[in-house]
């Protein structure tokens, strides 16, 4: 039975083997049409007032990236989200890419690609109400960060990587959606996702891109509750039959559940049908966490080759169900004890829909040339690792 190198041990090699891009990165070889990618450029840098004066949330959801819709709006590339920016600001950067016959022609494609950030339904920017414009009218709840191509239809090979920097104290939901750039068989550029310093809930959907997520070291089981509410629930007591105060952590009547709504954190990572992604999630050692990691590929049991789901979080205990195969891992870590509900806490749900080899070319500099698609690097994807202190690189190093 094949064993696979743990994902956390491979991330350093991945980061060191990839070079940083220049202003416009062209491949070393190629035919008439070849891939190009420019450097990161600021698309928006503005106020992000996500809480009111009383501390109440003002922005509940941010959506970044998306699949093609109405022949447009597909980023088809990487998404990076870093929660390490200044207070009450959002920074959005785009790194555009295309495939064309020359650098001059590629720059014309780049000129047609821009940020689309509105709260309204997808459509031409000029057709939107000014008050729905998240840049011109200020950042609002439920703004979408998308890529827009100014033309009849988006070119099949064109898109942009997206990098968003948010303040570390944002507690609203993060939605990330991306897809692979698959038009050229010789340049299968997968849409990877990396999120760093996440404190709140997030939903991530890829195709066959890899995913790295590191939680904030001080993340709460219920991110929307205040520090005082968290402390009260962790140290809640009730009277027993003798009148003595006894510990009752996370009892239903404790502040966070009864007053704060009791919404526990959720990190959900999945990919589309028949797609394979490697996933690494770095969880703080002391966080009350429920973990369900699995590869859902249906051929692993009979194929002899399979992916693995690995949990190496301190104080993690195997759940009674959901651990029948090496590609399944269901655990509870730092369960505070009754009357807390086992299986609650910050939930990590990580899954890949397939296990198998995935061909990938990460940048134009690695382009193998027309007609040489079989020479692309290929590696098994579909392995999942939930661990602590295992992601030692930044997102910008993991996705150069």
Protein backbone atom coordinates (compact mmCIF):
# COMPACT_ATOMS: atom_id res chain seq x y z
CA UNK A 1 0.00 0.00 0.00
CA UNK A 2 1.44 3.29 -1.08
CA UNK A 3 2.33 5.90 1.50
CA UNK A 4 2.48 9.58 0.60
CA UNK A 5 4.77 12.26 1.96
CA UNK A 6 2.81 14.48 4.37
CA UNK A 7 1.76 17.67 2.64
CA UNK A 8 3.26 20.00 5.21
CA UNK A 9 6.71 18.57 4.46
CA UNK A 10 6.37 19.32 0.76
CA UNK A 11 5.34 22.97 0.99
CA UNK A 12 8.89 24.26 1.51
CA UNK A 13 10.07 22.49 -1.63
CA UNK A 14 7.15 23.85 -3.59
CA UNK A 15 7.89 27.39 -2.48
CA UNK A 16 11.63 27.19 -3.20
CA UNK A 17 11.21 25.62 -6.62
CA UNK A 18 8.98 28.42 -7.96
CA UNK A 19 10.37 31.79 -9.03
CA UNK A 20 8.80 35.19 -8.55
CA UNK A 21 7.32 36.84 -11.62
CA UNK A 22 8.55 40.00 -13.25
CA UNK A 23 6.44 42.79 -14.68
CA UNK A 24 5.44 40.67 -17.68
CA UNK A 25 6.50 37.06 -17.52
CA UNK A 26 6.87 35.20 -20.80
CA UNK A 27 7.71 31.52 -21.30
CA UNK A 28 11.18 30.50 -22.46
CA UNK A 29 9.84 28.56 -25.42
CA UNK A 30 6.61 28.13 -27.33
CA UNK A 31 4.84 28.29 -30.65
CA UNK A 32 2.75 31.04 -32.20
CA UNK A 33 0.60 31.41 -29.09
CA UNK A 34 2.12 31.41 -25.63
CA UNK A 35 1.15 32.40 -22.07
CA UNK A 36 1.97 35.78 -20.53
CA UNK A 37 1.44 37.11 -16.99
CA UNK A 38 2.01 40.61 -15.64
CA UNK A 39 2.97 41.63 -12.10
CA UNK A 40 0.71 42.40 -9.16
CA UNK A 41 -1.07 45.75 -9.55
CA UNK A 42 -3.29 47.54 -7.02
CA UNK A 43 -6.93 47.57 -8.14
CA UNK A 44 -8.39 49.06 -4.94
CA UNK A 45 -7.02 50.36 -1.64
CA UNK A 46 -9.72 51.87 0.54
CA UNK A 47 -11.66 51.99 3.78
CA UNK A 48 -13.21 48.75 5.04
CA UNK A 49 -15.36 49.75 8.02
CA UNK A 50 -16.62 46.37 9.11
CA UNK A 51 -17.81 47.24 12.63
CA UNK A 52 -19.93 50.06 14.03
CA UNK A 53 -19.04 52.33 16.92
CA UNK A 54 -20.75 49.90 19.29
CA UNK A 55 -18.69 47.00 17.95
CA UNK A 56 -21.56 45.44 16.00
CA UNK A 57 -20.77 43.90 12.62
CA UNK A 58 -21.42 46.02 9.52
CA UNK A 59 -19.94 43.71 6.88
CA UNK A 60 -21.04 40.09 7.16
CA UNK A 61 -19.77 38.58 3.90
CA UNK A 62 -16.96 39.08 1.41
CA UNK A 63 -16.85 37.00 -1.79
CA UNK A 64 -13.64 36.69 -3.79
CA UNK A 65 -13.32 35.09 -7.23
CA UNK A 66 -15.85 33.09 -9.18
CA UNK A 67 -16.54 30.78 -12.07
CA UNK A 68 -17.41 31.98 -15.54
CA UNK A 69 -20.86 33.52 -15.76
CA UNK A 70 -22.50 35.08 -18.82
CA UNK A 71 -19.26 34.39 -20.74
CA UNK A 72 -17.38 36.66 -18.33
CA UNK A 73 -16.30 37.28 -14.71
CA UNK A 74 -13.98 34.24 -14.35
CA UNK A 75 -10.65 34.82 -12.64
CA UNK A 76 -9.41 31.32 -13.67
CA UNK A 77 -6.42 31.72 -11.42
CA UNK A 78 -5.07 31.83 -7.89
CA UNK A 79 -6.72 33.55 -4.94
CA UNK A 80 -4.69 34.77 -1.97
CA UNK A 81 -6.33 36.27 1.14
CA UNK A 82 -4.12 37.64 3.90
CA UNK A 83 -5.66 38.85 7.17
CA UNK A 84 -2.71 41.00 8.16
CA UNK A 85 -3.55 44.45 6.82
CA UNK A 86 -4.11 47.73 8.66
CA UNK A 87 -7.29 48.30 10.61
CA UNK A 88 -10.41 49.13 8.60
CA UNK A 89 -8.83 48.88 5.16
CA UNK A 90 -9.02 46.50 2.21
CA UNK A 91 -6.34 46.10 -0.46
CA UNK A 92 -7.15 44.30 -3.71
CA UNK A 93 -4.47 43.40 -6.25
CA UNK A 94 -4.76 41.70 -9.62
CA UNK A 95 -2.16 39.77 -11.61
CA UNK A 96 -3.51 39.34 -15.11
CA UNK A 97 -2.67 36.55 -17.54
CA UNK A 98 -3.48 35.54 -21.09
CA UNK A 99 -2.21 33.52 -24.03
CA UNK A 100 -1.35 35.34 -27.23
CA UNK A 101 1.15 35.64 -30.08
CA UNK A 102 3.27 38.45 -28.60
CA UNK A 103 3.82 40.56 -25.51
CA UNK A 104 2.22 43.55 -27.27
CA UNK A 105 -0.92 41.53 -28.04
CA UNK A 106 -0.95 40.19 -24.47
CA UNK A 107 -0.90 43.73 -23.06
CA UNK A 108 -4.02 44.54 -25.05
CA UNK A 109 -5.72 41.58 -23.35
CA UNK A 110 -4.50 42.86 -19.98
CA UNK A 111 -6.02 46.27 -20.69
CA UNK A 112 -9.43 44.61 -21.07
CA UNK A 113 -9.20 42.86 -17.67
CA UNK A 114 -10.17 44.80 -14.54
CA UNK A 115 -11.65 44.54 -11.06
CA UNK A 116 -15.44 44.14 -10.77
CA UNK A 117 -16.60 44.94 -7.22
CA UNK A 118 -20.34 45.41 -6.72
CA UNK A 119 -23.14 44.15 -4.49
CA UNK A 120 -25.47 43.66 -7.45
CA UNK A 121 -25.94 40.83 -9.93
CA UNK A 122 -23.18 40.27 -12.45
CA UNK A 123 -23.32 42.62 -15.40
CA UNK A 124 -21.41 45.36 -17.18
CA UNK A 125 -19.98 47.91 -14.73
CA UNK A 126 -21.60 50.78 -16.58
CA UNK A 127 -25.01 49.15 -16.13
CA UNK A 128 -24.77 49.02 -12.32
CA UNK A 129 -26.25 51.47 -9.85
CA UNK A 130 -23.60 53.78 -8.46
CA UNK A 131 -24.62 52.94 -4.88
CA UNK A 132 -23.81 49.26 -5.54
CA UNK A 133 -20.24 50.11 -6.52
CA UNK A 134 -18.04 48.93 -3.66
CA UNK A 135 -15.11 51.08 -4.78
CA UNK A 136 -16.78 54.36 -5.78
CA UNK A 137 -19.46 54.26 -3.06
CA UNK A 138 -17.46 52.61 -0.30
CA UNK A 139 -17.16 49.00 0.80
CA UNK A 140 -20.44 47.40 1.78
CA UNK A 141 -21.81 44.11 3.00
CA UNK A 142 -21.82 41.27 0.44
CA UNK A 143 -19.47 42.91 -2.06
CA UNK A 144 -18.11 40.57 -4.71
CA UNK A 145 -14.49 40.76 -5.89
CA UNK A 146 -14.57 39.48 -9.46
CA UNK A 147 -12.59 39.83 -12.68
CA UNK A 148 -14.28 41.60 -15.59
CA UNK A 149 -13.31 41.37 -19.26
CA UNK A 150 -14.32 44.38 -21.33
CA UNK A 151 -15.53 42.68 -24.50
CA UNK A 152 -18.35 40.64 -26.00
CA UNK A 153 -17.07 37.50 -24.27
CA UNK A 154 -14.10 36.85 -22.03
CA UNK A 155 -11.15 35.35 -23.89
CA UNK A 156 -10.95 31.66 -23.07
CA UNK A 157 -7.31 31.89 -21.98
CA UNK A 158 -7.47 35.19 -20.10
CA UNK A 159 -8.06 35.90 -16.41
CA UNK A 160 -6.35 37.20 -13.31
CA UNK A 161 -4.99 36.04 -9.99
CA UNK A 162 -6.53 37.93 -7.06
CA UNK A 163 -4.80 38.94 -3.83
CA UNK A 164 -6.85 40.56 -1.07
CA UNK A 165 -5.50 41.92 2.21
CA UNK A 166 -8.00 42.38 5.04
CA UNK A 167 -7.69 43.52 8.67
CA UNK A 168 -6.99 40.63 11.09
CA UNK A 169 -10.07 41.41 13.23
CA UNK A 170 -12.62 40.81 10.46
CA UNK A 171 -15.13 38.26 11.78
CA UNK A 172 -17.56 38.03 8.85
CA UNK A 173 -17.77 35.13 6.43
CA UNK A 174 -15.25 34.75 3.61
CA UNK A 175 -16.29 33.04 0.37
CA UNK A 176 -13.61 32.06 -2.17
CA UNK A 177 -14.39 30.49 -5.54
CA UNK A 178 -11.97 29.79 -8.36
CA UNK A 179 -11.52 27.47 -11.31
CA UNK A 180 -8.65 26.18 -13.40
CA UNK A 181 -7.37 27.71 -16.64
CA UNK A 182 -7.76 24.69 -18.93
CA UNK A 183 -8.08 26.04 -22.47
CA UNK A 184 -4.51 25.07 -23.43
CA UNK A 185 -3.59 21.39 -22.96
CA UNK A 186 0.06 22.44 -22.74
CA UNK A 187 -0.63 25.01 -20.03
CA UNK A 188 -2.98 23.59 -17.42
CA UNK A 189 -2.78 26.37 -14.87
CA UNK A 190 -4.68 25.35 -11.72
CA UNK A 191 -6.43 27.89 -9.51
CA UNK A 192 -4.75 27.53 -6.10
CA UNK A 193 -6.08 29.17 -2.92
CA UNK A 194 -4.18 30.35 0.15
CA UNK A 195 -5.72 32.06 3.19
CA UNK A 196 -3.59 33.20 6.11
CA UNK A 197 -4.46 34.31 9.66
CA UNK A 198 -8.15 33.40 9.30
CA UNK A 199 -10.18 34.11 12.43
CA UNK A 200 -13.73 33.66 11.14
CA UNK A 201 -15.72 31.26 8.98
CA UNK A 202 -14.83 30.62 5.35
CA UNK A 203 -16.15 28.64 2.40
CA UNK A 204 -13.61 27.70 -0.29
CA UNK A 205 -14.38 26.00 -3.60
CA UNK A 206 -11.75 25.08 -6.19
CA UNK A 207 -11.41 22.84 -9.21
CA UNK A 208 -8.07 20.98 -9.01
CA UNK A 209 -6.14 23.78 -7.35
CA UNK A 210 -4.36 23.16 -4.07
CA UNK A 211 -5.53 24.87 -0.87
CA UNK A 212 -3.62 26.15 2.15
CA UNK A 213 -5.40 27.76 5.11
CA UNK A 214 -3.85 28.84 8.40
CA UNK A 215 -6.11 29.96 11.24
CA UNK A 216 -5.30 32.88 13.48
CA UNK A 217 -3.36 31.61 16.55
CA UNK A 218 -5.99 33.24 18.80
CA UNK A 219 -9.07 32.09 16.86
CA UNK A 220 -12.23 31.41 18.91
CA UNK A 221 -14.56 28.41 18.61
CA UNK A 222 -17.34 30.96 17.99
CA UNK A 223 -15.64 33.86 16.14
CA UNK A 224 -18.52 36.34 16.32
CA UNK A 225 -18.63 36.31 20.12
CA UNK A 226 -16.68 38.84 22.17
CA UNK A 227 -13.65 37.88 24.25
CA UNK A 228 -15.75 38.34 27.39
CA UNK A 229 -18.48 36.03 26.09
CA UNK A 230 -15.92 33.38 25.13
CA UNK A 231 -14.28 33.55 28.55
CA UNK A 232 -17.66 33.32 30.27
CA UNK A 233 -18.64 30.20 28.32
CA UNK A 234 -15.30 28.50 28.84
CA UNK A 235 -15.53 29.10 32.59
CA UNK A 236 -19.29 28.70 33.06
CA UNK A 237 -20.46 27.02 36.24
CA UNK A 238 -23.75 25.68 37.55
CA UNK A 239 -24.94 24.55 40.95
CA UNK A 240 -25.09 20.82 41.57
CA UNK A 241 -27.60 19.11 43.87
CA UNK A 242 -25.56 20.13 46.93
CA UNK A 243 -25.50 23.79 45.92
CA UNK A 244 -21.80 23.70 45.01
CA UNK A 245 -20.58 25.46 41.87
CA UNK A 246 -19.29 22.94 39.33
CA UNK A 247 -17.76 23.53 35.88
CA UNK A 248 -20.23 23.51 32.97
CA UNK A 249 -18.21 24.70 29.95
CA UNK A 250 -20.27 25.90 27.02
CA UNK A 251 -23.61 25.20 28.65
CA UNK A 252 -26.54 26.30 26.42
CA UNK A 253 -27.27 29.24 28.72
CA UNK A 254 -23.72 30.68 28.61
CA UNK A 255 -23.23 34.16 27.18
CA UNK A 256 -21.91 33.32 23.74
CA UNK A 257 -24.65 30.80 22.96
CA UNK A 258 -27.59 32.50 24.65
CA UNK A 259 -26.69 36.11 23.81
CA UNK A 260 -24.20 35.90 20.96
CA UNK A 261 -26.24 33.48 18.87
CA UNK A 262 -24.09 30.41 19.43
CA UNK A 263 -22.70 30.38 15.88
CA UNK A 264 -19.57 28.26 15.89
CA UNK A 265 -16.84 28.78 13.31
CA UNK A 266 -16.85 26.78 10.07
CA UNK A 267 -14.10 26.29 7.51
CA UNK A 268 -15.49 24.38 4.53
CA UNK A 269 -13.13 23.38 1.69
CA UNK A 270 -14.31 21.39 -1.31
CA UNK A 271 -13.73 21.09 -5.02
CA UNK A 272 -15.88 20.25 -7.98
CA UNK A 273 -16.91 16.81 -9.19
CA UNK A 274 -14.08 14.60 -10.49
CA UNK A 275 -11.47 17.14 -9.33
CA UNK A 276 -8.50 16.43 -7.07
CA UNK A 277 -6.92 18.96 -4.70
CA UNK A 278 -4.32 18.75 -1.97
CA UNK A 279 -5.48 20.57 1.16
CA UNK A 280 -3.49 21.70 4.21
CA UNK A 281 -5.17 23.40 7.19
CA UNK A 282 -3.06 24.74 10.08
CA UNK A 283 -5.12 24.78 13.31
CA UNK A 284 -4.05 26.42 16.61
CA UNK A 285 -3.03 23.85 19.21
CA UNK A 286 -5.57 24.87 21.87
CA UNK A 287 -8.62 25.56 19.70
CA UNK A 288 -11.75 23.49 20.37
CA UNK A 289 -12.16 21.93 16.94
CA UNK A 290 -14.20 19.26 15.18
CA UNK A 291 -12.47 17.85 12.10
CA UNK A 292 -13.84 15.90 9.15
CA UNK A 293 -11.34 15.33 6.34
CA UNK A 294 -11.97 12.94 3.49
CA UNK A 295 -11.24 12.09 -0.11
CA UNK A 296 -14.53 11.14 -1.74
CA UNK A 297 -13.07 9.36 -4.77
CA UNK A 298 -15.00 6.11 -5.22
CA UNK A 299 -12.23 4.03 -6.83
CA UNK A 300 -9.67 4.13 -4.02
CA UNK A 301 -10.81 0.99 -2.23
CA UNK A 302 -10.26 -1.26 -5.24
CA UNK A 303 -7.48 0.60 -7.06
CA UNK A 304 -4.69 -0.18 -4.60
CA UNK A 305 -3.57 3.44 -4.87
CA UNK A 306 -5.24 5.92 -2.59
CA UNK A 307 -4.95 9.35 -1.03
CA UNK A 308 -4.69 10.02 2.67
CA UNK A 309 -6.39 12.21 5.24
CA UNK A 310 -4.04 12.94 8.14
CA UNK A 311 -4.74 14.74 11.43
CA UNK A 312 -1.80 15.73 13.64
CA UNK A 313 -3.44 18.38 15.82
CA UNK A 314 -2.47 18.16 19.54
CA UNK A 315 -5.14 16.73 21.83
CA UNK A 316 -7.09 15.39 18.83
CA UNK A 317 -9.13 12.29 19.60
CA UNK A 318 -10.52 9.93 16.98
CA UNK A 319 -14.28 10.10 16.55
CA UNK A 320 -16.28 6.93 16.91
CA UNK A 321 -17.33 7.02 13.25
CA UNK A 322 -15.86 8.25 9.98
CA UNK A 323 -12.41 6.65 10.15
CA UNK A 324 -12.93 3.47 8.14
CA UNK A 325 -10.25 4.13 5.50
CA UNK A 326 -6.88 5.93 5.26
CA UNK A 327 -8.56 8.65 3.21
CA UNK A 328 -11.02 9.46 6.01
CA UNK A 329 -10.21 11.28 9.25
CA UNK A 330 -12.77 12.43 11.78
CA UNK A 331 -11.49 13.88 15.05
CA UNK A 332 -12.37 16.16 17.96
CA UNK A 333 -9.67 18.32 19.50
CA UNK A 334 -9.72 20.11 22.86
CA UNK A 335 -13.31 19.11 23.63
CA UNK A 336 -14.11 21.04 26.84
CA UNK A 337 -16.38 18.29 28.22
CA UNK A 338 -20.07 18.13 29.00
CA UNK A 339 -22.40 19.95 28.78
CA UNK A 340 -20.61 21.20 25.66
CA UNK A 341 -21.78 19.35 22.56
CA UNK A 342 -19.24 16.96 21.15
CA UNK A 343 -18.76 17.73 17.48
CA UNK A 344 -19.26 21.46 17.99
CA UNK A 345 -16.52 24.04 18.32
CA UNK A 346 -14.74 25.38 15.25
CA UNK A 347 -15.60 22.93 12.47
CA UNK A 348 -13.04 22.00 9.79
CA UNK A 349 -14.69 20.27 6.82
CA UNK A 350 -12.11 19.48 4.13
CA UNK A 351 -12.75 17.20 1.17
CA UNK A 352 -11.53 16.38 -2.31
CA UNK A 353 -13.84 14.71 -4.82
CA UNK A 354 -11.13 12.64 -6.44
CA UNK A 355 -7.66 11.17 -5.95
CA UNK A 356 -5.26 10.91 -8.84
CA UNK A 357 -2.55 12.50 -10.99
CA UNK A 358 -3.08 16.12 -11.97
CA UNK A 359 -1.01 17.81 -14.68
CA UNK A 360 -0.19 21.41 -13.85
CA UNK A 361 1.90 24.34 -15.06
CA UNK A 362 2.13 27.04 -12.42
CA UNK A 363 3.56 29.97 -14.41
CA UNK A 364 4.46 31.04 -17.97
CA UNK A 365 8.15 30.41 -17.22
CA UNK A 366 7.31 26.70 -16.89
CA UNK A 367 5.42 26.49 -20.20
CA UNK A 368 6.53 23.34 -22.06
CA UNK A 369 5.63 24.60 -25.53
CA UNK A 370 2.87 23.76 -27.96
CA UNK A 371 2.49 20.05 -28.62
CA UNK A 372 4.39 19.11 -25.46
CA UNK A 373 1.52 18.89 -23.00
CA UNK A 374 2.57 15.43 -21.83
CA UNK A 375 5.82 16.96 -20.57
CA UNK A 376 4.03 19.06 -17.96
CA UNK A 377 4.67 18.22 -14.36
CA UNK A 378 2.09 15.85 -12.94
CA UNK A 379 1.56 14.93 -9.31
CA UNK A 380 -0.96 13.04 -7.26
CA UNK A 381 -3.57 15.28 -5.67
CA UNK A 382 -6.34 14.55 -3.22
CA UNK A 383 -4.36 14.29 0.02
CA UNK A 384 -5.56 16.23 3.06
CA UNK A 385 -3.64 17.24 6.16
CA UNK A 386 -5.02 18.99 9.25
CA UNK A 387 -2.13 19.95 11.48
CA UNK A 388 -0.62 22.51 13.86
CA UNK A 389 2.36 24.80 13.09
CA UNK A 390 2.84 23.02 9.78
CA UNK A 391 2.46 25.90 7.30
CA UNK A 392 5.68 27.84 7.75
CA UNK A 393 5.54 29.79 4.49
CA UNK A 394 3.48 32.86 3.68
CA UNK A 395 0.79 32.69 1.03
CA UNK A 396 3.00 34.77 -1.25
CA UNK A 397 5.69 32.09 -0.96
CA UNK A 398 3.29 29.17 -1.41
CA UNK A 399 1.70 30.80 -4.47
CA UNK A 400 4.52 32.86 -6.06
